[in-house]
Amino acid sequence: PANALKVAKIAEESERNQLMYMAQMLEGNA
């Protein structure tokens, strides 16, 4: 259970990082 929570947290952070990266790319192109 603790491991699943850790994996979920990592996945959440990864998703957030992807969104931030995409936002930066869009800002750079604008």
Protein backbone atom coordinates (compact mmCIF):
# COMPACT_ATOMS: atom_id res chain seq x y z
CA PRO A 1 0.00 0.00 0.00
CA ALA A 2 2.76 2.46 0.89
CA ASN A 3 4.46 1.65 -2.41
CA ALA A 4 1.26 2.28 -4.38
CA LEU A 5 0.92 5.65 -2.70
CA LYS A 6 4.51 6.49 -3.61
CA VAL A 7 3.93 5.51 -7.24
CA ALA A 8 0.74 7.57 -7.38
CA LYS A 9 2.59 10.59 -6.00
CA ILE A 10 5.37 10.23 -8.57
CA ALA A 11 2.83 9.87 -11.39
CA GLU A 12 1.03 12.99 -10.19
CA GLU A 13 4.25 15.01 -10.09
CA SER A 14 5.26 13.72 -13.52
CA GLU A 15 1.91 14.76 -14.97
CA ARG A 16 2.20 18.20 -13.40
CA ASN A 17 5.74 18.59 -14.77
CA GLN A 18 4.50 17.67 -18.26
CA LEU A 19 1.75 20.28 -18.06
CA MET A 20 4.19 22.94 -16.89
CA TYR A 21 6.62 22.00 -19.67
CA MET A 22 3.87 22.22 -22.29
CA ALA A 23 2.74 25.58 -20.89
CA GLN A 24 6.30 26.92 -21.15
CA MET A 25 6.56 25.69 -24.74
CA LEU A 26 3.28 27.41 -25.64
CA GLU A 27 4.43 30.64 -24.01
CA GLY A 28 7.70 30.47 -25.93
CA ASN A 29 5.87 29.98 -29.23
CA ALA A 30 3.36 32.78 -28.58
